[in-house]
Protein backbone atom coordinates (compact mmCIF):
# COMPACT_ATOMS: atom_id res chain seq x y z
CA UNK A 1 -197.24 -122.42 -178.09
CA UNK A 2 -200.68 -121.87 -177.62
CA UNK A 3 -201.54 -119.73 -175.05
CA UNK A 4 -205.23 -119.27 -173.41
CA UNK A 5 -207.18 -115.88 -171.82
CA UNK A 6 -209.41 -117.10 -169.73
CA UNK A 7 -210.93 -114.29 -168.38
CA UNK A 8 -214.17 -114.09 -170.15
CA UNK A 9 -215.32 -117.24 -168.01
CA UNK A 10 -214.97 -116.29 -164.78
CA UNK A 11 -218.28 -114.36 -163.84
CA UNK A 12 -219.72 -117.61 -165.28
CA UNK A 13 -218.02 -120.00 -163.10
CA UNK A 14 -217.38 -121.06 -159.63
CA UNK A 15 -213.94 -119.06 -158.40
CA UNK A 16 -212.40 -122.59 -157.64
CA UNK A 17 -213.45 -123.78 -161.45
CA UNK A 18 -209.65 -124.85 -162.24
CA UNK A 19 -208.38 -125.62 -158.55
CA UNK A 20 -211.33 -127.88 -157.75
CA UNK A 21 -210.34 -129.94 -160.75
CA UNK A 22 -207.01 -130.26 -160.37
CA UNK A 23 -206.99 -133.93 -158.80
CA UNK A 24 -208.79 -135.14 -161.47
CA UNK A 25 -206.67 -133.54 -164.48
CA UNK A 26 -203.70 -135.49 -162.69
CA UNK A 27 -205.44 -138.68 -163.01
CA UNK A 28 -206.38 -137.69 -166.09
CA UNK A 29 -203.28 -136.81 -167.41
CA UNK A 30 -201.77 -140.49 -165.98
CA UNK A 31 -204.15 -142.24 -167.77
CA UNK A 32 -203.29 -140.77 -171.15
CA UNK A 33 -199.56 -141.10 -170.07
CA UNK A 34 -199.66 -144.70 -169.38
CA UNK A 35 -202.65 -145.59 -171.58
CA UNK A 36 -204.32 -147.17 -168.98
CA UNK A 37 -207.93 -145.69 -168.76
CA UNK A 38 -210.95 -146.45 -170.96
CA UNK A 39 -209.86 -146.62 -174.37
CA UNK A 40 -206.15 -147.24 -173.34
CA UNK A 41 -205.60 -149.06 -176.10
CA UNK A 42 -206.18 -145.98 -178.56
CA UNK A 43 -203.98 -143.76 -176.84
CA UNK A 44 -200.79 -144.14 -179.61
CA UNK A 45 -201.27 -140.72 -180.58
CA UNK A 46 -200.37 -139.47 -177.40
CA UNK A 47 -196.58 -139.51 -177.71
CA UNK A 48 -196.72 -139.78 -181.44
CA UNK A 49 -194.85 -136.96 -182.76
CA UNK A 50 -191.49 -138.66 -180.41
CA UNK A 51 -192.42 -142.13 -181.55
CA UNK A 52 -193.63 -141.86 -184.94
CA UNK A 53 -192.03 -144.58 -187.42
CA UNK A 54 -189.25 -143.09 -189.08
CA UNK A 55 -188.85 -145.52 -191.89
CA UNK A 56 -192.30 -144.82 -192.90
CA UNK A 57 -192.05 -140.96 -192.42
CA UNK A 58 -189.32 -140.99 -194.99
CA UNK A 59 -191.18 -143.07 -197.53
CA UNK A 60 -194.40 -140.65 -197.27
CA UNK A 61 -191.83 -137.77 -198.39
CA UNK A 62 -190.75 -140.25 -200.97
CA UNK A 63 -193.77 -140.79 -202.26
CA UNK A 64 -194.96 -136.95 -202.04
CA UNK A 65 -192.62 -136.31 -204.52
CA UNK A 66 -193.35 -139.04 -206.92
CA UNK A 67 -196.65 -137.89 -206.93
CA UNK A 68 -195.44 -134.46 -207.57
CA UNK A 69 -193.40 -135.31 -210.26
CA UNK A 70 -196.08 -137.51 -212.22
CA UNK A 71 -199.59 -135.94 -211.35
CA UNK A 72 -201.40 -132.63 -211.90
CA UNK A 73 -204.29 -133.97 -209.31
CA UNK A 74 -204.13 -136.17 -206.28
CA UNK A 75 -208.08 -137.99 -205.58
CA UNK A 76 -207.72 -138.37 -201.84
CA UNK A 77 -210.25 -141.03 -200.91
CA UNK A 78 -211.46 -141.50 -197.29
CA UNK A 79 -214.09 -140.19 -194.67
CA UNK A 80 -214.12 -138.97 -191.38
CA UNK A 81 -211.20 -139.16 -189.52
CA UNK A 82 -209.42 -140.13 -192.88
CA UNK A 83 -209.61 -137.00 -194.98
CA UNK A 84 -210.70 -134.10 -192.15
CA UNK A 85 -207.65 -133.97 -190.97
CA UNK A 86 -205.41 -133.55 -194.15
CA UNK A 87 -207.92 -131.30 -195.56
CA UNK A 88 -207.85 -128.90 -192.42
CA UNK A 89 -204.14 -128.82 -192.62
CA UNK A 90 -203.84 -127.94 -196.45
CA UNK A 91 -206.65 -125.46 -196.06
CA UNK A 92 -205.55 -123.73 -192.96
CA UNK A 93 -201.46 -123.35 -194.31
CA UNK A 94 -202.07 -123.10 -197.70
CA UNK A 95 -205.30 -121.91 -198.63
CA UNK A 96 -209.27 -123.01 -199.10
CA UNK A 97 -208.46 -121.79 -202.28
CA UNK A 98 -205.53 -124.05 -202.58
CA UNK A 99 -206.55 -125.68 -205.86
CA UNK A 100 -207.47 -122.29 -207.79
CA UNK A 101 -203.78 -121.18 -207.18
CA UNK A 102 -200.50 -120.96 -209.33
CA UNK A 103 -197.90 -123.43 -207.59
CA UNK A 104 -195.61 -126.50 -208.28
CA UNK A 105 -197.59 -128.91 -206.37
CA UNK A 106 -200.14 -131.12 -207.53
CA UNK A 107 -204.43 -130.14 -206.87
CA UNK A 108 -205.98 -132.12 -204.02
CA UNK A 109 -209.12 -133.57 -204.13
CA UNK A 110 -211.52 -135.32 -201.76
CA UNK A 111 -213.51 -137.99 -202.46
CA UNK A 112 -215.14 -140.88 -200.44
CA UNK A 113 -216.79 -138.14 -197.55
CA UNK A 114 -220.20 -138.94 -199.27
CA UNK A 115 -222.88 -140.29 -201.48
CA UNK A 116 -223.29 -137.60 -203.77
CA UNK A 117 -223.67 -138.41 -206.99
CA UNK A 118 -223.16 -134.40 -208.62
CA UNK A 119 -220.54 -134.02 -206.28
CA UNK A 120 -218.57 -137.24 -207.71
CA UNK A 121 -219.32 -136.69 -211.08
CA UNK A 122 -217.74 -132.74 -210.96
CA UNK A 123 -214.19 -134.58 -209.47
CA UNK A 124 -214.34 -137.07 -212.27
CA UNK A 125 -214.80 -134.34 -214.58
CA UNK A 126 -211.97 -132.01 -213.09
CA UNK A 127 -209.65 -135.17 -212.96
CA UNK A 128 -210.19 -137.38 -216.28
CA UNK A 129 -208.34 -135.48 -218.44
CA UNK A 130 -205.23 -134.70 -216.50
CA UNK A 131 -202.40 -136.98 -214.86
CA UNK A 132 -203.95 -137.99 -211.52
CA UNK A 133 -202.96 -140.33 -208.34
CA UNK A 134 -205.07 -141.70 -206.16
CA UNK A 135 -204.50 -142.24 -202.09
CA UNK A 136 -207.17 -144.56 -200.49
CA UNK A 137 -207.47 -144.18 -196.58
CA UNK A 138 -209.70 -146.68 -195.47
CA UNK A 139 -208.40 -149.12 -192.14
CA UNK A 140 -210.87 -151.80 -193.64
CA UNK A 141 -211.30 -150.90 -197.05
CA UNK A 142 -215.25 -151.93 -196.41
CA UNK A 143 -216.93 -148.38 -195.24
CA UNK A 144 -219.09 -148.19 -197.98
CA UNK A 145 -218.66 -144.29 -198.99
CA UNK A 146 -215.01 -144.47 -199.89
CA UNK A 147 -215.26 -147.83 -201.17
CA UNK A 148 -217.62 -146.97 -203.43
CA UNK A 149 -215.38 -144.17 -204.60
CA UNK A 150 -212.23 -146.32 -204.69
CA UNK A 151 -213.87 -148.66 -207.03
CA UNK A 152 -215.05 -145.97 -208.96
CA UNK A 153 -211.40 -143.97 -209.42
CA UNK A 154 -209.52 -147.43 -209.41
CA UNK A 155 -211.84 -147.93 -212.84
CA UNK A 156 -211.10 -144.87 -214.11
CA UNK A 157 -207.11 -145.00 -213.47
CA UNK A 158 -207.18 -148.18 -214.98
CA UNK A 159 -209.17 -147.25 -218.18
CA UNK A 160 -206.80 -144.12 -218.61
CA UNK A 161 -203.37 -145.97 -217.96
CA UNK A 162 -203.54 -149.77 -217.74
CA UNK A 163 -203.69 -152.01 -214.95
CA UNK A 164 -200.07 -152.01 -214.58
CA UNK A 165 -199.62 -147.67 -214.71
CA UNK A 166 -202.80 -147.63 -212.59
CA UNK A 167 -200.91 -149.71 -209.76
CA UNK A 168 -197.97 -147.68 -209.77
CA UNK A 169 -200.59 -144.09 -208.91
CA UNK A 170 -202.68 -145.74 -206.08
CA UNK A 171 -201.18 -145.36 -202.71
CA UNK A 172 -203.51 -147.86 -200.05
CA UNK A 173 -203.13 -146.26 -196.54
CA UNK A 174 -204.65 -149.28 -194.17
CA UNK A 175 -204.46 -151.56 -191.80
CA UNK A 176 -200.98 -153.00 -191.24
CA UNK A 177 -202.23 -156.63 -191.16
CA UNK A 178 -205.66 -157.56 -192.34
CA UNK A 179 -208.68 -155.69 -194.44
CA UNK A 180 -210.18 -156.04 -197.37
CA UNK A 181 -208.06 -152.75 -198.49
CA UNK A 182 -204.61 -154.47 -197.12
CA UNK A 183 -205.41 -157.68 -198.87
CA UNK A 184 -206.28 -155.61 -202.06
CA UNK A 185 -202.79 -154.12 -201.93
CA UNK A 186 -201.26 -156.50 -201.25
CA UNK A 187 -202.04 -158.49 -204.03
CA UNK A 188 -202.15 -155.50 -206.56
CA UNK A 189 -198.79 -154.55 -205.56
CA UNK A 190 -199.93 -150.94 -204.52
CA UNK A 191 -197.44 -148.93 -202.27
CA UNK A 192 -198.88 -149.03 -198.66
CA UNK A 193 -198.82 -146.75 -195.64
CA UNK A 194 -199.93 -147.93 -192.14
CA UNK A 195 -203.15 -146.73 -190.20
CA UNK A 196 -201.71 -147.65 -186.48
CA UNK A 197 -203.34 -149.85 -184.35
CA UNK A 198 -203.11 -147.54 -181.71
CA UNK A 199 -204.45 -144.50 -182.95
CA UNK A 200 -207.83 -143.98 -183.44
CA UNK A 201 -209.35 -142.21 -186.91
CA UNK A 202 -209.71 -138.94 -185.42
CA UNK A 203 -206.53 -138.66 -183.71
CA UNK A 204 -204.87 -139.93 -186.97
CA UNK A 205 -203.97 -136.96 -188.64
CA UNK A 206 -200.33 -137.07 -187.64
CA UNK A 207 -199.98 -140.38 -189.28
CA UNK A 208 -199.81 -141.67 -192.84
CA UNK A 209 -203.68 -141.11 -192.52
CA UNK A 210 -202.78 -136.88 -192.92
CA UNK A 211 -199.15 -136.72 -193.89
CA UNK A 212 -199.27 -138.21 -197.52
CA UNK A 213 -201.79 -135.54 -198.72
CA UNK A 214 -200.26 -132.72 -196.52
CA UNK A 215 -196.97 -133.63 -197.94
CA UNK A 216 -198.29 -133.47 -201.56
CA UNK A 217 -199.69 -129.71 -201.24
CA UNK A 218 -196.01 -128.83 -200.45
CA UNK A 219 -196.20 -128.21 -196.67
CA UNK A 220 -192.72 -129.13 -194.36
CA UNK A 221 -193.80 -132.71 -192.61
CA UNK A 222 -190.52 -131.69 -190.21
CA UNK A 223 -191.79 -128.26 -189.10
CA UNK A 224 -195.69 -129.90 -188.75
CA UNK A 225 -194.15 -132.91 -186.53
CA UNK A 226 -191.81 -130.32 -184.81
CA UNK A 227 -194.81 -128.15 -183.69
CA UNK A 228 -196.49 -131.48 -182.32
CA UNK A 229 -193.56 -132.55 -180.32
CA UNK A 230 -192.91 -129.06 -178.89
CA UNK A 231 -196.61 -129.17 -177.86
CA UNK A 232 -196.24 -132.78 -176.44
CA UNK A 233 -193.58 -131.91 -174.32
CA UNK A 234 -195.12 -128.25 -172.98
CA UNK A 235 -198.53 -129.91 -172.21
CA UNK A 236 -196.90 -133.12 -170.70
CA UNK A 237 -195.98 -131.22 -167.64
CA UNK A 238 -198.68 -131.34 -165.01
CA UNK A 239 -200.00 -128.25 -163.33
CA UNK A 240 -202.44 -125.55 -163.27
CA UNK A 241 -200.61 -123.58 -165.63
CA UNK A 242 -200.72 -125.99 -168.53
CA UNK A 243 -202.98 -124.73 -171.29
CA UNK A 244 -204.22 -128.16 -172.14
CA UNK A 245 -205.57 -128.57 -168.68
CA UNK A 246 -206.99 -124.88 -168.45
CA UNK A 247 -208.81 -125.67 -171.38
CA UNK A 248 -210.16 -128.57 -170.34
CA UNK A 249 -210.73 -127.53 -167.04
CA UNK A 250 -213.04 -124.66 -168.42
CA UNK A 251 -214.93 -126.61 -171.00
CA UNK A 252 -215.90 -128.88 -167.89
CA UNK A 253 -217.03 -126.36 -165.47
CA UNK A 254 -219.05 -124.40 -168.11
CA UNK A 255 -220.93 -127.49 -168.98
CA UNK A 256 -220.99 -128.54 -165.30
CA UNK A 257 -222.95 -125.00 -165.29
CA UNK A 258 -225.46 -125.40 -167.98
CA UNK A 259 -223.77 -124.54 -170.87
CA UNK A 260 -224.72 -126.98 -173.58
CA UNK A 261 -222.90 -126.26 -176.57
CA UNK A 262 -219.25 -125.19 -177.59
CA UNK A 263 -219.00 -122.92 -180.70
CA UNK A 264 -215.64 -122.74 -182.34
CA UNK A 265 -214.80 -119.70 -183.36
CA UNK A 266 -212.06 -118.69 -186.35
CA UNK A 267 -211.61 -115.47 -188.11
CA UNK A 268 -209.85 -116.79 -191.18
CA UNK A 269 -211.50 -118.57 -194.22
CA UNK A 270 -208.74 -121.08 -194.17
CA UNK A 271 -209.79 -122.33 -190.56
CA UNK A 272 -213.00 -123.70 -191.53
CA UNK A 273 -212.17 -127.26 -192.32
CA UNK A 274 -209.88 -127.12 -189.57
CA UNK A 275 -213.11 -126.52 -187.13
CA UNK A 276 -214.71 -129.24 -189.03
CA UNK A 277 -211.76 -131.45 -187.94
CA UNK A 278 -212.36 -130.34 -184.40
CA UNK A 279 -216.19 -131.20 -184.52
CA UNK A 280 -215.23 -134.61 -185.05
CA UNK A 281 -212.80 -135.02 -182.48
CA UNK A 282 -214.58 -133.51 -179.53
CA UNK A 283 -218.37 -134.99 -181.03
CA UNK A 284 -216.99 -138.44 -181.60
CA UNK A 285 -214.73 -138.13 -178.49
CA UNK A 286 -217.71 -136.90 -175.97
CA UNK A 287 -220.69 -137.57 -177.27
CA UNK A 288 -222.10 -140.46 -175.47
CA UNK A 289 -223.52 -141.90 -172.29
CA UNK A 290 -226.45 -139.03 -173.05
CA UNK A 291 -223.26 -136.71 -171.95
CA UNK A 292 -221.46 -133.87 -174.10
CA UNK A 293 -220.93 -130.64 -175.35
CA UNK A 294 -222.28 -130.04 -179.12
CA UNK A 295 -219.53 -128.70 -180.84
CA UNK A 296 -220.47 -126.46 -183.75
CA UNK A 297 -218.42 -123.47 -185.18
CA UNK A 298 -218.94 -120.24 -186.92
CA UNK A 299 -216.39 -118.00 -189.08
CA UNK A 300 -216.57 -114.29 -187.57
CA UNK A 301 -216.58 -111.62 -188.79
CA UNK A 302 -218.49 -112.90 -191.52
CA UNK A 303 -221.22 -115.06 -188.75
CA UNK A 304 -221.72 -111.89 -187.15
CA UNK A 305 -224.04 -110.86 -189.71
CA UNK A 306 -225.99 -114.12 -189.62
CA UNK A 307 -225.37 -116.47 -186.47
CA UNK A 308 -224.24 -113.96 -184.46
CA UNK A 309 -227.85 -112.51 -183.63
CA UNK A 310 -228.33 -115.76 -182.03
CA UNK A 311 -225.43 -116.02 -180.17
CA UNK A 312 -225.90 -112.58 -178.97
CA UNK A 313 -229.54 -112.67 -177.93
CA UNK A 314 -230.89 -116.35 -178.44
CA UNK A 315 -231.12 -119.01 -175.66
CA UNK A 316 -228.05 -118.61 -173.56
CA UNK A 317 -227.08 -122.63 -173.62
CA UNK A 318 -223.31 -121.98 -175.52
CA UNK A 319 -219.93 -120.69 -174.81
CA UNK A 320 -217.33 -119.55 -177.33
CA UNK A 321 -213.54 -120.96 -178.17
CA UNK A 322 -212.05 -118.12 -180.24
CA UNK A 323 -209.08 -119.08 -182.20
CA UNK A 324 -206.42 -115.95 -182.83
CA UNK A 325 -203.72 -116.35 -185.05
CA UNK A 326 -201.41 -113.37 -183.73
CA UNK A 327 -199.58 -112.69 -186.99
CA UNK A 328 -200.76 -112.54 -190.89
CA UNK A 329 -198.87 -113.81 -193.70
CA UNK A 330 -199.14 -110.25 -195.07
CA UNK A 331 -200.30 -106.52 -194.76
CA UNK A 332 -202.61 -104.15 -196.83
CA UNK A 333 -203.12 -100.63 -195.76
CA UNK A 334 -206.78 -99.22 -196.21
CA UNK A 335 -206.73 -96.22 -199.05
CA UNK A 336 -207.85 -93.20 -198.34
CA UNK A 337 -211.32 -91.73 -200.47
CA UNK A 338 -210.93 -88.03 -201.04
CA UNK A 339 -215.25 -88.39 -201.33
CA UNK A 340 -215.70 -90.23 -198.22
CA UNK A 341 -218.38 -91.68 -199.86
CA UNK A 342 -218.70 -94.53 -196.95
CA UNK A 343 -217.75 -92.53 -194.30
CA UNK A 344 -214.61 -95.00 -193.55
CA UNK A 345 -211.77 -92.42 -194.26
CA UNK A 346 -211.43 -92.26 -190.08
CA UNK A 347 -209.40 -95.88 -190.83
CA UNK A 348 -207.33 -94.36 -193.74
CA UNK A 349 -203.60 -95.42 -193.37
CA UNK A 350 -204.53 -98.23 -190.86
CA UNK A 351 -203.77 -101.90 -191.75
CA UNK A 352 -206.66 -104.07 -191.97
CA UNK A 353 -205.49 -106.25 -189.42
CA UNK A 354 -206.08 -103.44 -187.14
CA UNK A 355 -209.69 -103.40 -187.76
CA UNK A 356 -210.14 -107.12 -187.64
CA UNK A 357 -208.04 -106.96 -184.62
CA UNK A 358 -211.05 -104.37 -183.01
CA UNK A 359 -214.09 -106.50 -184.41
CA UNK A 360 -212.65 -109.38 -182.31
CA UNK A 361 -212.12 -107.59 -179.26
CA UNK A 362 -215.32 -105.68 -179.64
CA UNK A 363 -217.22 -109.39 -180.50
CA UNK A 364 -215.81 -110.88 -177.23
CA UNK A 365 -216.73 -108.15 -175.03
CA UNK A 366 -220.28 -107.92 -176.78
CA UNK A 367 -221.06 -111.55 -176.38
CA UNK A 368 -219.80 -111.73 -172.87
CA UNK A 369 -222.11 -108.91 -171.86
CA UNK A 370 -224.89 -111.09 -173.95
CA UNK A 371 -224.35 -113.79 -171.73
CA UNK A 372 -221.99 -115.99 -173.50
CA UNK A 373 -218.44 -116.88 -171.78
CA UNK A 374 -215.76 -117.12 -174.51
CA UNK A 375 -211.84 -118.65 -174.07
CA UNK A 376 -209.43 -117.41 -176.36
CA UNK A 377 -206.74 -119.54 -178.12
CA UNK A 378 -204.06 -117.85 -179.32
CA UNK A 379 -201.70 -119.38 -181.85
CA UNK A 380 -199.02 -117.56 -183.40
CA UNK A 381 -199.23 -117.92 -187.18
CA UNK A 382 -200.77 -120.12 -189.68
CA UNK A 383 -197.52 -121.97 -190.84
CA UNK A 384 -196.65 -125.93 -189.76
CA UNK A 385 -195.23 -125.50 -186.78
CA UNK A 386 -198.11 -123.67 -185.21
CA UNK A 387 -200.30 -126.13 -186.99
CA UNK A 388 -198.57 -128.81 -185.51
CA UNK A 389 -199.23 -127.54 -181.82
CA UNK A 390 -203.21 -126.48 -182.30
CA UNK A 391 -203.39 -130.18 -183.43
CA UNK A 392 -201.54 -131.46 -180.63
CA UNK A 393 -203.23 -129.02 -178.21
CA UNK A 394 -206.63 -129.70 -179.38
CA UNK A 395 -206.05 -133.47 -179.20
CA UNK A 396 -204.74 -133.75 -175.30
CA UNK A 397 -207.40 -131.57 -174.37
CA UNK A 398 -210.01 -133.62 -175.86
CA UNK A 399 -208.41 -136.70 -174.24
CA UNK A 400 -208.05 -134.79 -170.91
CA UNK A 401 -211.95 -133.41 -171.37
CA UNK A 402 -213.16 -137.16 -172.04
CA UNK A 403 -211.86 -138.22 -168.76
CA UNK A 404 -213.12 -135.21 -166.87
CA UNK A 405 -216.92 -135.96 -168.31
CA UNK A 406 -216.21 -140.02 -167.34
CA UNK A 407 -216.55 -141.54 -170.63
CA UNK A 408 -214.50 -143.60 -173.01
CA UNK A 409 -213.05 -140.54 -175.30
CA UNK A 410 -211.76 -143.50 -177.80
CA UNK A 411 -214.63 -145.30 -178.91
CA UNK A 412 -217.66 -144.36 -181.01
CA UNK A 413 -220.03 -147.06 -180.80
CA UNK A 414 -223.02 -144.91 -182.08
CA UNK A 415 -221.61 -144.33 -185.39
CA UNK A 416 -222.55 -148.26 -186.18
CA UNK A 417 -226.32 -147.66 -185.89
CA UNK A 418 -226.84 -145.99 -189.18
CA UNK A 419 -224.48 -148.32 -191.20
CA UNK A 420 -226.47 -151.17 -189.56
CA UNK A 421 -229.42 -149.69 -191.15
CA UNK A 422 -228.06 -148.20 -194.39
CA UNK A 423 -226.50 -151.87 -195.23
CA UNK A 424 -230.10 -153.59 -194.66
CA UNK A 425 -231.78 -151.12 -196.69
CA UNK A 426 -229.17 -151.79 -199.70
CA UNK A 427 -229.60 -155.46 -199.61
CA UNK A 428 -226.29 -156.49 -198.11
CA UNK A 429 -226.52 -160.20 -197.32
CA UNK A 430 -226.96 -161.21 -193.60
CA UNK A 431 -229.21 -158.32 -193.19
CA UNK A 432 -232.52 -159.66 -194.67
CA UNK A 433 -234.34 -159.96 -191.38
CA UNK A 434 -233.26 -156.03 -190.05
CA UNK A 435 -234.48 -155.51 -193.73
CA UNK A 436 -238.09 -156.33 -193.42
CA UNK A 437 -238.32 -154.88 -190.24
CA UNK A 438 -236.67 -151.37 -191.33
CA UNK A 439 -238.80 -151.35 -194.71
CA UNK A 440 -242.31 -152.32 -192.50
CA UNK A 441 -241.33 -149.07 -190.49
CA UNK A 442 -240.78 -146.79 -193.68
């Protein structure tokens, strides 16, 4: 299971930083378990690793095998929680170079998560002359970025294969009962999977939203869900030994002590998109009512040669949460150089993991000495079971953290502000008055 080392926060928080929050953590636990707190209608993820739809789970695995058999590429269309979780898991377990590797599974491209013409044209160029399928993920089907991308790739499929064959290559993950995409999927006969009503997008990676692309990439879904189920069982046990309680309390204690930014640190390049998923999870859950830690991320040791200067000596407004995987997938021994040009023969014969470990340990101490507390989060290895545990750990801790902060962790009212302005400026019917007001300001 996930383990925490909190020794490097003790000089920055009161001695009772954990015990003083025990009652509030218990209240938060009950609200999550019973779904009776603010946003309780969206706590379906809490017991999901145990209560997921087994019939749909089997259909996901069957669909993944079909895509693997008839497609060289899968285009996953979605934005925010509709793509970050899947990309995070694929890159963390397989590789950020997944599409470049020799493998028996299709390449996976992510589209509909922005409005860049250049990025879209590049993706089209990469798939147009290959057999490909599309997984469009949207609860409503009307969110601008994925809706535009789906219109384009649907047209591309129909031109390439004809309307009938294209239908068999489109998989829609959407609302179970309503919405534009649901209506289209029903009328066209796409295979459909469900975005559960009780699970918000940023918590949806272990639903069909994330599981279909993850399965297409050849990742064992039973192991992923098994790891999440292990974490669910372990983290449901109340008490100050619970690592989710410790992480939530530590974050809250550092926040109340004046820290405004939490930096998630990874030492693996494959961790980059997991950090992006984490930033949405915590930023969208806590950033409201004028409250919340600002979630940022860095990749060490690369960023020690850039952002490391600010972290070491800039404004003392941050703390670090460092994710360490205890085991690597392989090993490499540093060779001996007879001329010792680089002066590194003292490392000859040592595994590269030894060097990385000392870099991590030295950085932790340097940053603490520089006024930056850190939380060390230890996971076993980059495999499906461990990643399932890590996903659930961060989700459950996020729910506890939001309730400690006294916000609703499961809504996102601020997200609609930019959409309203964008729709008006695009000329969407019904926004004429708002458009005139915006154009006067611009």
